Amino acid sequence: MTIEGETFRQLQLDFYREAAHCYDAWAGGANVRAAQRLAEFAAVQSDERVIDVGCGTGLVSRSLDVSRSDIDNVAIDLSPDMIGVARARATSEATTQYTVMDAHDLVFRDGVFDVAMLGQSLACLEDPWRALAEIRRVLTPFGRVAVCCRCRSLSTPAQEVFFERLERLAIRRPRTPSHHGLFGEPWVLTQMLEIAGFTDVRVTQLLVGVRAQDVHEWTEMMQWSGPWTHAMFGLLSPRSRATFEEELDLTMHRLGEGDYAFHGAFTLATARRRDESADQPSSESVPESTADVSGVASPFSGSEPAFTSA
């Protein structure tokens, strides 16, 4: 089977519409735990204005302790369905305005926000470098960014088996750039933020473990793990899916006690917008420049730098 690029892209976009109702409860609340940890790690103060980029159902915004603040914060997402759920679940005291907007083109003036939050949205963006440049632009001179990405290297053997078998399906389709899967590696996320114009990067990780009872519960959970997986399952007929689950179950049982074990593994990072003017050799007025990183495909090569979890 060969799938045209636009068809597969639409199947991926359908994920955000169809997953809105179950996103918060997915994998035993793994997304909730990640949002709460990111909000805690960011340590937003009551006098700071926040933009939540790729807010989904509003998990991160609702986790922020800004109840005493009278500042209007903003949360954006490209999916009207996700924004609809976020608005419905917001408390009556909430000061966050939820709106549909593209992270690649933020319609705000320069230096408006003190903190930018990205809860699991970075790896899903078509052009992460352009989005990071936009985020840096709308932050104040010493504004902060807080990012959460899934860390694939901490996946269980069961997850590796699942994706290996899914890759083997005879479906030719467009592929997400392979380096997007590295964004959750601590050293990669650190370098990305530094290249994008941030400094003082701090990193920590979160691991949430759950276990499915059988192959049907497992495939249902994994189907909602992301746009690509959801799109792949959307291409399977009921008969093809039954065959896939039967073969997967046989392979899973060979793992013994590790069958159907799942890790929701997340890398979280915070960083401060780098003050380029501080690096100037004189007091001569030099316009602050923002590096154009939108055209960089994958700048990571060579050995991994040392990493210490914060």
C-alpha atoms as a PDB file:
ATOM      1  CA  MET A   1       0.000   0.000   0.000  1.00  0.00           C
ATOM      2  CA  THR A   2       1.314   3.442  -0.936  1.00  0.00           C
ATOM      3  CA  ILE A   3      -0.116   6.480   0.863  1.00  0.00           C
ATOM      4  CA  GLU A   4       0.130   9.961  -0.615  1.00  0.00           C
ATOM      5  CA  GLY A   5       1.785  12.610   1.532  1.00  0.00           C
ATOM      6  CA  GLU A   6      -1.292  14.813   1.994  1.00  0.00           C
ATOM      7  CA  THR A   7      -3.494  11.819   2.847  1.00  0.00           C
ATOM      8  CA  PHE A   8      -1.134  10.612   5.549  1.00  0.00           C
ATOM      9  CA  ARG A   9      -0.731  14.162   6.891  1.00  0.00           C
ATOM     10  CA  GLN A  10      -4.523  14.455   7.204  1.00  0.00           C
ATOM     11  CA  LEU A  11      -4.640  11.141   9.079  1.00  0.00           C
ATOM     12  CA  GLN A  12      -2.062  12.530  11.499  1.00  0.00           C
ATOM     13  CA  LEU A  13      -4.034  15.747  11.956  1.00  0.00           C
ATOM     14  CA  ASP A  14      -7.137  13.674  12.696  1.00  0.00           C
ATOM     15  CA  PHE A  15      -5.334  12.455  15.814  1.00  0.00           C
ATOM     16  CA  TYR A  16      -5.703  15.837  17.505  1.00  0.00           C
ATOM     17  CA  ARG A  17      -9.428  15.922  16.761  1.00  0.00           C
ATOM     18  CA  GLU A  18     -10.123  12.359  17.863  1.00  0.00           C
ATOM     19  CA  ALA A  19      -7.679  12.256  20.800  1.00  0.00           C
ATOM     20  CA  ALA A  20      -8.991  15.370  22.536  1.00  0.00           C
ATOM     21  CA  HIS A  21     -11.482  13.356  24.595  1.00  0.00           C
ATOM     22  CA  CYS A  22      -8.947  10.810  25.910  1.00  0.00           C
ATOM     23  CA  TYR A  23      -5.659  12.752  26.007  1.00  0.00           C
ATOM     24  CA  ASP A  24      -5.727  13.471  29.745  1.00  0.00           C
ATOM     25  CA  ALA A  25      -6.496   9.873  30.733  1.00  0.00           C
ATOM     26  CA  TRP A  26      -4.037   8.246  28.305  1.00  0.00           C
ATOM     27  CA  ALA A  27      -1.654   5.606  29.721  1.00  0.00           C
ATOM     28  CA  GLY A  28      -2.895   5.944  33.274  1.00  0.00           C
ATOM     29  CA  GLY A  29      -2.584   9.725  33.249  1.00  0.00           C
ATOM     30  CA  ALA A  30       1.022   9.897  31.987  1.00  0.00           C
ATOM     31  CA  ASN A  31       0.339  13.166  30.167  1.00  0.00           C
ATOM     32  CA  VAL A  32      -1.125  14.668  33.343  1.00  0.00           C
ATOM     33  CA  ARG A  33       1.949  13.671  35.348  1.00  0.00           C
ATOM     34  CA  ALA A  34       4.262  15.159  32.721  1.00  0.00           C
ATOM     35  CA  ALA A  35       2.317  18.440  32.630  1.00  0.00           C
ATOM     36  CA  GLN A  36       2.341  18.754  36.404  1.00  0.00           C
ATOM     37  CA  ARG A  37       6.074  18.060  36.583  1.00  0.00           C
ATOM     38  CA  LEU A  38       6.817  20.587  33.834  1.00  0.00           C
ATOM     39  CA  ALA A  39       4.756  23.241  35.631  1.00  0.00           C
ATOM     40  CA  GLU A  40       6.617  22.509  38.866  1.00  0.00           C
ATOM     41  CA  PHE A  41      10.015  22.572  37.136  1.00  0.00           C
ATOM     42  CA  ALA A  42       9.281  25.893  35.418  1.00  0.00           C
ATOM     43  CA  ALA A  43       8.500  27.580  38.782  1.00  0.00           C
ATOM     44  CA  VAL A  44       6.376  30.327  37.235  1.00  0.00           C
ATOM     45  CA  GLN A  45       5.863  33.340  39.515  1.00  0.00           C
ATOM     46  CA  SER A  46       2.554  35.150  39.955  1.00  0.00           C
ATOM     47  CA  ASP A  47       3.856  38.295  38.238  1.00  0.00           C
ATOM     48  CA  GLU A  48       5.069  36.469  35.107  1.00  0.00           C
ATOM     49  CA  ARG A  49       3.065  36.347  31.877  1.00  0.00           C
ATOM     50  CA  VAL A  50       2.984  32.881  30.269  1.00  0.00           C
ATOM     51  CA  ILE A  51       2.385  31.547  26.776  1.00  0.00           C
ATOM     52  CA  ASP A  52       1.617  27.822  26.522  1.00  0.00           C
ATOM     53  CA  VAL A  53       2.608  26.712  23.009  1.00  0.00           C
ATOM     54  CA  GLY A  54       0.873  23.585  21.708  1.00  0.00           C
ATOM     55  CA  CYS A  55      -1.315  23.538  24.800  1.00  0.00           C
ATOM     56  CA  GLY A  56      -3.500  20.581  23.783  1.00  0.00           C
ATOM     57  CA  THR A  57      -6.257  20.172  26.346  1.00  0.00           C
ATOM     58  CA  GLY A  58      -4.674  22.786  28.606  1.00  0.00           C
ATOM     59  CA  LEU A  59      -2.939  20.390  30.988  1.00  0.00           C
ATOM     60  CA  VAL A  60       0.152  22.536  31.515  1.00  0.00           C
ATOM     61  CA  SER A  61      -1.765  25.789  31.899  1.00  0.00           C
ATOM     62  CA  ARG A  62      -4.109  24.224  34.440  1.00  0.00           C
ATOM     63  CA  SER A  63      -1.108  22.872  36.364  1.00  0.00           C
ATOM     64  CA  LEU A  64       0.501  26.295  36.789  1.00  0.00           C
ATOM     65  CA  ASP A  65       0.018  27.858  40.214  1.00  0.00           C
ATOM     66  CA  VAL A  66      -1.152  31.260  38.991  1.00  0.00           C
ATOM     67  CA  SER A  67      -4.446  31.385  40.879  1.00  0.00           C
ATOM     68  CA  ARG A  68      -3.342  34.543  42.710  1.00  0.00           C
ATOM     69  CA  SER A  69      -2.279  36.277  39.518  1.00  0.00           C
ATOM     70  CA  ASP A  70      -4.351  38.913  37.732  1.00  0.00           C
ATOM     71  CA  ILE A  71      -2.167  38.649  34.595  1.00  0.00           C
ATOM     72  CA  ASP A  72      -3.806  37.295  31.465  1.00  0.00           C
ATOM     73  CA  ASN A  73      -1.847  34.324  30.145  1.00  0.00           C
ATOM     74  CA  VAL A  74      -2.213  32.800  26.681  1.00  0.00           C
ATOM     75  CA  ALA A  75      -2.409  29.174  25.541  1.00  0.00           C
ATOM     76  CA  ILE A  76      -2.365  28.286  21.835  1.00  0.00           C
ATOM     77  CA  ASP A  77      -2.846  25.157  19.762  1.00  0.00           C
ATOM     78  CA  LEU A  78      -3.415  24.492  16.070  1.00  0.00           C
ATOM     79  CA  SER A  79      -6.288  22.084  16.806  1.00  0.00           C
ATOM     80  CA  PRO A  80      -9.718  23.706  17.377  1.00  0.00           C
ATOM     81  CA  ASP A  81     -10.862  20.480  19.069  1.00  0.00           C
ATOM     82  CA  MET A  82      -8.035  20.565  21.596  1.00  0.00           C
ATOM     83  CA  ILE A  83      -8.725  24.247  22.284  1.00  0.00           C
ATOM     84  CA  GLY A  84     -12.412  23.461  22.732  1.00  0.00           C
ATOM     85  CA  VAL A  85     -11.627  20.848  25.387  1.00  0.00           C
ATOM     86  CA  ALA A  86      -9.140  23.193  27.083  1.00  0.00           C
ATOM     87  CA  ARG A  87     -11.751  25.938  27.343  1.00  0.00           C
ATOM     88  CA  ALA A  88     -14.355  23.515  28.666  1.00  0.00           C
ATOM     89  CA  ARG A  89     -12.020  22.203  31.380  1.00  0.00           C
ATOM     90  CA  ALA A  90     -10.706  25.582  32.499  1.00  0.00           C
ATOM     91  CA  THR A  91     -11.919  26.755  35.890  1.00  0.00           C
ATOM     92  CA  SER A  92     -14.055  29.854  36.222  1.00  0.00           C
ATOM     93  CA  GLU A  93     -11.163  31.635  37.995  1.00  0.00           C
ATOM     94  CA  ALA A  94      -8.681  30.869  35.222  1.00  0.00           C
ATOM     95  CA  THR A  95      -6.868  33.833  33.677  1.00  0.00           C
ATOM     96  CA  THR A  96      -5.639  31.905  30.621  1.00  0.00           C
ATOM     97  CA  GLN A  97      -7.022  32.748  27.195  1.00  0.00           C
ATOM     98  CA  TYR A  98      -7.150  29.696  24.898  1.00  0.00           C
ATOM     99  CA  THR A  99      -6.929  30.402  21.190  1.00  0.00           C
ATOM    100  CA  VAL A 100      -6.234  28.604  17.908  1.00  0.00           C
ATOM    101  CA  MET A 101      -2.852  29.703  16.562  1.00  0.00           C
ATOM    102  CA  ASP A 102       0.131  28.310  14.656  1.00  0.00           C
ATOM    103  CA  ALA A 103       3.303  27.985  16.773  1.00  0.00           C
ATOM    104  CA  HIS A 104       5.341  28.840  13.674  1.00  0.00           C
ATOM    105  CA  ASP A 105       3.710  32.266  13.395  1.00  0.00           C
ATOM    106  CA  LEU A 106       2.924  33.794  16.791  1.00  0.00           C
ATOM    107  CA  VAL A 107       0.858  36.935  16.304  1.00  0.00           C
ATOM    108  CA  PHE A 108       2.364  38.843  19.243  1.00  0.00           C
ATOM    109  CA  ARG A 109       4.784  41.745  19.531  1.00  0.00           C
ATOM    110  CA  ASP A 110       8.388  41.133  20.560  1.00  0.00           C
ATOM    111  CA  GLY A 111       9.116  40.697  24.255  1.00  0.00           C
ATOM    112  CA  VAL A 112       5.541  40.147  25.486  1.00  0.00           C
ATOM    113  CA  PHE A 113       5.936  37.017  27.642  1.00  0.00           C
ATOM    114  CA  ASP A 114       8.130  36.084  30.597  1.00  0.00           C
ATOM    115  CA  VAL A 115       7.779  32.301  30.245  1.00  0.00           C
ATOM    116  CA  ALA A 116       7.007  29.999  27.307  1.00  0.00           C
ATOM    117  CA  MET A 117       5.823  26.442  27.992  1.00  0.00           C
ATOM    118  CA  LEU A 118       6.017  23.603  25.457  1.00  0.00           C
ATOM    119  CA  GLY A 119       4.415  20.461  26.822  1.00  0.00           C
ATOM    120  CA  GLN A 120       5.234  17.639  24.373  1.00  0.00           C
ATOM    121  CA  SER A 121       4.626  19.829  21.322  1.00  0.00           C
ATOM    122  CA  LEU A 122       8.181  20.416  20.082  1.00  0.00           C
ATOM    123  CA  ALA A 123       8.695  17.068  18.311  1.00  0.00           C
ATOM    124  CA  CYS A 124       5.266  17.331  16.641  1.00  0.00           C
ATOM    125  CA  LEU A 125       6.000  20.652  14.936  1.00  0.00           C
ATOM    126  CA  GLU A 126       6.772  20.650  11.223  1.00  0.00           C
ATOM    127  CA  ASP A 127       9.554  23.202  11.723  1.00  0.00           C
ATOM    128  CA  PRO A 128      10.732  23.149  15.371  1.00  0.00           C
ATOM    129  CA  TRP A 129      13.522  25.651  14.652  1.00  0.00           C
ATOM    130  CA  ARG A 130      11.143  28.276  13.329  1.00  0.00           C
ATOM    131  CA  ALA A 131       8.874  27.758  16.335  1.00  0.00           C
ATOM    132  CA  LEU A 132      11.790  28.159  18.765  1.00  0.00           C
ATOM    133  CA  ALA A 133      12.845  31.334  16.969  1.00  0.00           C
ATOM    134  CA  GLU A 134       9.295  32.681  17.305  1.00  0.00           C
ATOM    135  CA  ILE A 135       9.199  31.768  20.984  1.00  0.00           C
ATOM    136  CA  ARG A 136      12.508  33.507  21.598  1.00  0.00           C
ATOM    137  CA  ARG A 137      11.202  36.582  19.797  1.00  0.00           C
ATOM    138  CA  VAL A 138       8.089  36.970  21.970  1.00  0.00           C
ATOM    139  CA  LEU A 139       9.993  36.446  25.241  1.00  0.00           C
ATOM    140  CA  THR A 140      11.309  39.334  27.329  1.00  0.00           C
ATOM    141  CA  PRO A 141      15.118  39.839  27.268  1.00  0.00           C
ATOM    142  CA  PHE A 142      15.602  37.435  30.180  1.00  0.00           C
ATOM    143  CA  GLY A 143      12.494  35.336  29.568  1.00  0.00           C
ATOM    144  CA  ARG A 144      12.464  31.585  30.131  1.00  0.00           C
ATOM    145  CA  VAL A 145      11.354  28.545  28.180  1.00  0.00           C
ATOM    146  CA  ALA A 146      10.249  25.201  29.653  1.00  0.00           C
ATOM    147  CA  VAL A 147      10.054  22.161  27.372  1.00  0.00           C
ATOM    148  CA  CYS A 148       8.883  18.563  27.757  1.00  0.00           C
ATOM    149  CA  CYS A 149       9.667  15.826  25.202  1.00  0.00           C
ATOM    150  CA  ARG A 150       9.219  12.070  25.289  1.00  0.00           C
ATOM    151  CA  CYS A 151      12.480  10.188  25.696  1.00  0.00           C
ATOM    152  CA  ARG A 152      12.519   7.151  23.431  1.00  0.00           C
ATOM    153  CA  SER A 153      15.775   5.706  24.787  1.00  0.00           C
ATOM    154  CA  LEU A 154      13.952   4.909  28.051  1.00  0.00           C
ATOM    155  CA  SER A 155      11.270   2.875  26.312  1.00  0.00           C
ATOM    156  CA  THR A 156      10.658  -0.711  27.389  1.00  0.00           C
ATOM    157  CA  PRO A 157      11.482  -3.754  25.227  1.00  0.00           C
ATOM    158  CA  ALA A 158       7.738  -4.139  24.700  1.00  0.00           C
ATOM    159  CA  GLN A 159       7.545  -0.681  23.140  1.00  0.00           C
ATOM    160  CA  GLU A 160      10.518  -1.458  20.914  1.00  0.00           C
ATOM    161  CA  VAL A 161       8.858  -4.687  19.752  1.00  0.00           C
ATOM    162  CA  PHE A 162       5.623  -2.857  19.004  1.00  0.00           C
ATOM    163  CA  PHE A 163       7.201  -0.141  16.856  1.00  0.00           C
ATOM    164  CA  GLU A 164       9.469  -2.635  15.093  1.00  0.00           C
ATOM    165  CA  ARG A 165       6.449  -4.662  14.008  1.00  0.00           C
ATOM    166  CA  LEU A 166       4.520  -1.542  13.050  1.00  0.00           C
ATOM    167  CA  GLU A 167       7.421  -0.440  10.834  1.00  0.00           C
ATOM    168  CA  ARG A 168       7.343  -3.821   9.084  1.00  0.00           C
ATOM    169  CA  LEU A 169       3.801  -3.315   7.785  1.00  0.00           C
ATOM    170  CA  ALA A 170       3.740  -3.139   3.997  1.00  0.00           C
ATOM    171  CA  ILE A 171       2.661   0.501   3.973  1.00  0.00           C
ATOM    172  CA  ARG A 172       4.772   3.044   2.108  1.00  0.00           C
ATOM    173  CA  ARG A 173       4.059   6.461   3.577  1.00  0.00           C
ATOM    174  CA  PRO A 174       5.811   9.766   4.252  1.00  0.00           C
ATOM    175  CA  ARG A 175       8.081   9.753   7.260  1.00  0.00           C
ATOM    176  CA  THR A 176       8.576  12.282  10.015  1.00  0.00           C
ATOM    177  CA  PRO A 177      12.222  13.467  10.018  1.00  0.00           C
ATOM    178  CA  SER A 178      14.100  10.799  11.960  1.00  0.00           C
ATOM    179  CA  HIS A 179      15.953  13.316  14.121  1.00  0.00           C
ATOM    180  CA  HIS A 180      12.653  14.445  15.694  1.00  0.00           C
ATOM    181  CA  GLY A 181      12.767  11.195  17.647  1.00  0.00           C
ATOM    182  CA  LEU A 182      15.950  12.411  19.334  1.00  0.00           C
ATOM    183  CA  PHE A 183      14.447  15.558  20.812  1.00  0.00           C
ATOM    184  CA  GLY A 184      13.763  13.802  24.120  1.00  0.00           C
ATOM    185  CA  GLU A 185      17.387  12.839  24.648  1.00  0.00           C
ATOM    186  CA  PRO A 186      18.797  15.191  27.328  1.00  0.00           C
ATOM    187  CA  TRP A 187      21.948  16.099  25.398  1.00  0.00           C
ATOM    188  CA  VAL A 188      19.981  16.789  22.218  1.00  0.00           C
ATOM    189  CA  LEU A 189      17.387  18.982  23.908  1.00  0.00           C
ATOM    190  CA  THR A 190      20.175  20.900  25.663  1.00  0.00           C
ATOM    191  CA  GLN A 191      21.989  21.564  22.389  1.00  0.00           C
ATOM    192  CA  MET A 192      18.775  22.522  20.601  1.00  0.00           C
ATOM    193  CA  LEU A 193      17.962  25.188  23.160  1.00  0.00           C
ATOM    194  CA  GLU A 194      21.513  26.539  23.115  1.00  0.00           C
ATOM    195  CA  ILE A 195      21.554  26.729  19.314  1.00  0.00           C
ATOM    196  CA  ALA A 196      18.149  28.429  19.365  1.00  0.00           C
ATOM    197  CA  GLY A 197      19.484  31.247  21.537  1.00  0.00           C
ATOM    198  CA  PHE A 198      18.938  30.079  25.124  1.00  0.00           C
ATOM    199  CA  THR A 199      21.345  29.562  28.011  1.00  0.00           C
ATOM    200  CA  ASP A 200      21.471  28.243  31.592  1.00  0.00           C
ATOM    201  CA  VAL A 201      19.805  25.001  30.504  1.00  0.00           C
ATOM    202  CA  ARG A 202      18.595  22.734  33.320  1.00  0.00           C
ATOM    203  CA  VAL A 203      17.374  19.210  32.642  1.00  0.00           C
ATOM    204  CA  THR A 204      15.476  16.561  34.571  1.00  0.00           C
ATOM    205  CA  GLN A 205      13.521  13.446  33.652  1.00  0.00           C
ATOM    206  CA  LEU A 206      10.266  11.739  34.586  1.00  0.00           C
ATOM    207  CA  LEU A 207       9.342   8.083  34.208  1.00  0.00           C
ATOM    208  CA  VAL A 208       5.732   6.881  34.464  1.00  0.00           C
ATOM    209  CA  GLY A 209       5.205   3.114  34.237  1.00  0.00           C
ATOM    210  CA  VAL A 210       2.000   1.268  33.334  1.00  0.00           C
ATOM    211  CA  ARG A 211       1.175  -2.222  32.102  1.00  0.00           C
ATOM    212  CA  ALA A 212      -1.516  -3.405  29.714  1.00  0.00           C
ATOM    213  CA  GLN A 213      -3.478  -6.553  30.506  1.00  0.00           C
ATOM    214  CA  ASP A 214      -3.507  -7.963  26.970  1.00  0.00           C
ATOM    215  CA  VAL A 215      -2.779  -7.174  23.345  1.00  0.00           C
ATOM    216  CA  HIS A 216      -6.104  -5.410  22.787  1.00  0.00           C
ATOM    217  CA  GLU A 217      -5.575  -3.014  25.686  1.00  0.00           C
ATOM    218  CA  TRP A 218      -1.986  -2.460  24.536  1.00  0.00           C
ATOM    219  CA  THR A 219      -2.824  -1.594  20.914  1.00  0.00           C
ATOM    220  CA  GLU A 220      -5.664   0.678  22.029  1.00  0.00           C
ATOM    221  CA  MET A 221      -3.261   2.534  24.315  1.00  0.00           C
ATOM    222  CA  MET A 222      -0.496   2.745  21.717  1.00  0.00           C
ATOM    223  CA  GLN A 223      -2.881   3.910  19.003  1.00  0.00           C
ATOM    224  CA  TRP A 224      -3.379   7.110  20.974  1.00  0.00           C
ATOM    225  CA  SER A 225       0.323   7.592  21.770  1.00  0.00           C
ATOM    226  CA  GLY A 226       0.840  10.061  18.929  1.00  0.00           C
ATOM    227  CA  PRO A 227      -0.161  11.246  15.431  1.00  0.00           C
ATOM    228  CA  TRP A 228       2.072   8.811  13.522  1.00  0.00           C
ATOM    229  CA  THR A 229       0.865   5.706  15.361  1.00  0.00           C
ATOM    230  CA  HIS A 230      -2.730   6.838  15.114  1.00  0.00           C
ATOM    231  CA  ALA A 231      -2.375   7.363  11.363  1.00  0.00           C
ATOM    232  CA  MET A 232      -0.823   3.924  10.871  1.00  0.00           C
ATOM    233  CA  PHE A 233      -3.664   2.195  12.705  1.00  0.00           C
ATOM    234  CA  GLY A 234      -6.156   4.236  10.709  1.00  0.00           C
ATOM    235  CA  LEU A 235      -4.864   2.527   7.548  1.00  0.00           C
ATOM    236  CA  LEU A 236      -5.463  -1.002   8.867  1.00  0.00           C
ATOM    237  CA  SER A 237      -8.650  -2.863   8.056  1.00  0.00           C
ATOM    238  CA  PRO A 238     -10.291  -4.800  10.922  1.00  0.00           C
ATOM    239  CA  ARG A 239      -8.863  -8.018   9.518  1.00  0.00           C
ATOM    240  CA  SER A 240      -5.364  -6.552   9.139  1.00  0.00           C
ATOM    241  CA  ARG A 241      -5.473  -5.193  12.666  1.00  0.00           C
ATOM    242  CA  ALA A 242      -6.540  -8.605  14.028  1.00  0.00           C
ATOM    243  CA  THR A 243      -3.610 -10.241  12.223  1.00  0.00           C
ATOM    244  CA  PHE A 244      -1.234  -7.577  13.526  1.00  0.00           C
ATOM    245  CA  GLU A 245      -2.417  -8.095  17.113  1.00  0.00           C
ATOM    246  CA  GLU A 246      -2.138 -11.889  16.826  1.00  0.00           C
ATOM    247  CA  GLU A 247       1.467 -11.704  15.612  1.00  0.00           C
ATOM    248  CA  LEU A 248       2.316  -9.006  18.158  1.00  0.00           C
ATOM    249  CA  ASP A 249       0.920 -11.096  21.006  1.00  0.00           C
ATOM    250  CA  LEU A 250       3.104 -14.073  20.061  1.00  0.00           C
ATOM    251  CA  THR A 251       6.205 -11.864  20.007  1.00  0.00           C
ATOM    252  CA  MET A 252       5.301 -10.107  23.254  1.00  0.00           C
ATOM    253  CA  HIS A 253       5.022 -13.329  25.231  1.00  0.00           C
ATOM    254  CA  ARG A 254       8.642 -14.102  24.410  1.00  0.00           C
ATOM    255  CA  LEU A 255       9.577 -11.124  26.607  1.00  0.00           C
ATOM    256  CA  GLY A 256       8.344 -12.933  29.711  1.00  0.00           C
ATOM    257  CA  GLU A 257       7.572 -10.583  32.589  1.00  0.00           C
ATOM    258  CA  GLY A 258       8.343  -7.594  30.399  1.00  0.00           C
ATOM    259  CA  ASP A 259       5.458  -8.161  28.022  1.00  0.00           C
ATOM    260  CA  TYR A 260       3.072  -5.204  27.667  1.00  0.00           C
ATOM    261  CA  ALA A 261       5.113  -3.049  30.068  1.00  0.00           C
ATOM    262  CA  PHE A 262       5.080   0.624  29.076  1.00  0.00           C
ATOM    263  CA  HIS A 263       7.238   3.577  30.099  1.00  0.00           C
ATOM    264  CA  GLY A 264       5.953   7.101  29.692  1.00  0.00           C
ATOM    265  CA  ALA A 265       9.435   8.621  29.724  1.00  0.00           C
ATOM    266  CA  PHE A 266       9.866  12.388  29.532  1.00  0.00           C
ATOM    267  CA  THR A 267      12.803  14.786  29.429  1.00  0.00           C
ATOM    268  CA  LEU A 268      12.111  18.260  30.800  1.00  0.00           C
ATOM    269  CA  ALA A 269      14.309  21.303  30.302  1.00  0.00           C
ATOM    270  CA  THR A 270      14.250  24.949  31.279  1.00  0.00           C
ATOM    271  CA  ALA A 271      16.455  27.685  29.860  1.00  0.00           C
ATOM    272  CA  ARG A 272      16.809  31.467  29.830  1.00  0.00           C
ATOM    273  CA  ARG A 273      16.796  33.629  26.734  1.00  0.00           C
ATOM    274  CA  ARG A 274      20.402  34.503  26.015  1.00  0.00           C
ATOM    275  CA  ASP A 275      21.253  38.200  26.157  1.00  0.00           C
ATOM    276  CA  GLU A 276      23.247  38.661  22.961  1.00  0.00           C
ATOM    277  CA  SER A 277      24.116  42.267  23.810  1.00  0.00           C
ATOM    278  CA  ALA A 278      26.153  41.118  26.821  1.00  0.00           C
ATOM    279  CA  ASP A 279      28.625  39.489  24.423  1.00  0.00           C
ATOM    280  CA  GLN A 280      29.362  42.708  22.558  1.00  0.00           C
ATOM    281  CA  PRO A 281      32.983  43.957  23.029  1.00  0.00           C
ATOM    282  CA  SER A 282      31.941  47.602  23.357  1.00  0.00           C
ATOM    283  CA  SER A 283      28.989  49.789  24.246  1.00  0.00           C
ATOM    284  CA  GLU A 284      28.393  50.535  20.604  1.00  0.00           C
ATOM    285  CA  SER A 285      24.777  50.014  19.690  1.00  0.00           C
ATOM    286  CA  VAL A 286      24.390  46.710  17.881  1.00  0.00           C
ATOM    287  CA  PRO A 287      20.931  45.352  17.011  1.00  0.00           C
ATOM    288  CA  GLU A 288      20.184  42.110  18.745  1.00  0.00           C
ATOM    289  CA  SER A 289      20.022  39.300  16.212  1.00  0.00           C
ATOM    290  CA  THR A 290      18.106  36.075  16.292  1.00  0.00           C
ATOM    291  CA  ALA A 291      19.801  33.201  14.492  1.00  0.00           C
ATOM    292  CA  ASP A 292      17.806  31.799  11.594  1.00  0.00           C
ATOM    293  CA  VAL A 293      17.702  28.134  12.531  1.00  0.00           C
ATOM    294  CA  SER A 294      14.574  27.254  10.553  1.00  0.00           C
ATOM    295  CA  GLY A 295      16.579  25.702   7.748  1.00  0.00           C
ATOM    296  CA  VAL A 296      18.720  23.473   9.933  1.00  0.00           C
ATOM    297  CA  ALA A 297      17.692  19.848   9.538  1.00  0.00           C
ATOM    298  CA  SER A 298      19.763  18.117  12.205  1.00  0.00           C
ATOM    299  CA  PRO A 299      22.763  19.894  13.703  1.00  0.00           C
ATOM    300  CA  PHE A 300      23.681  17.108  16.090  1.00  0.00           C
ATOM    301  CA  SER A 301      26.783  15.061  15.394  1.00  0.00           C
ATOM    302  CA  GLY A 302      29.792  13.739  17.213  1.00  0.00           C
ATOM    303  CA  SER A 303      29.961  12.433  20.743  1.00  0.00           C
ATOM    304  CA  GLU A 304      27.359  13.142  23.411  1.00  0.00           C
ATOM    305  CA  PRO A 305      28.335  15.688  26.065  1.00  0.00           C
ATOM    306  CA  ALA A 306      28.179  14.665  29.695  1.00  0.00           C
ATOM    307  CA  PHE A 307      24.730  14.909  31.258  1.00  0.00           C
ATOM    308  CA  THR A 308      23.743  15.306  34.870  1.00  0.00           C
ATOM    309  CA  SER A 309      20.075  15.063  35.760  1.00  0.00           C
ATOM    310  CA  ALA A 310      18.863  18.043  37.737  1.00  0.00           C
END
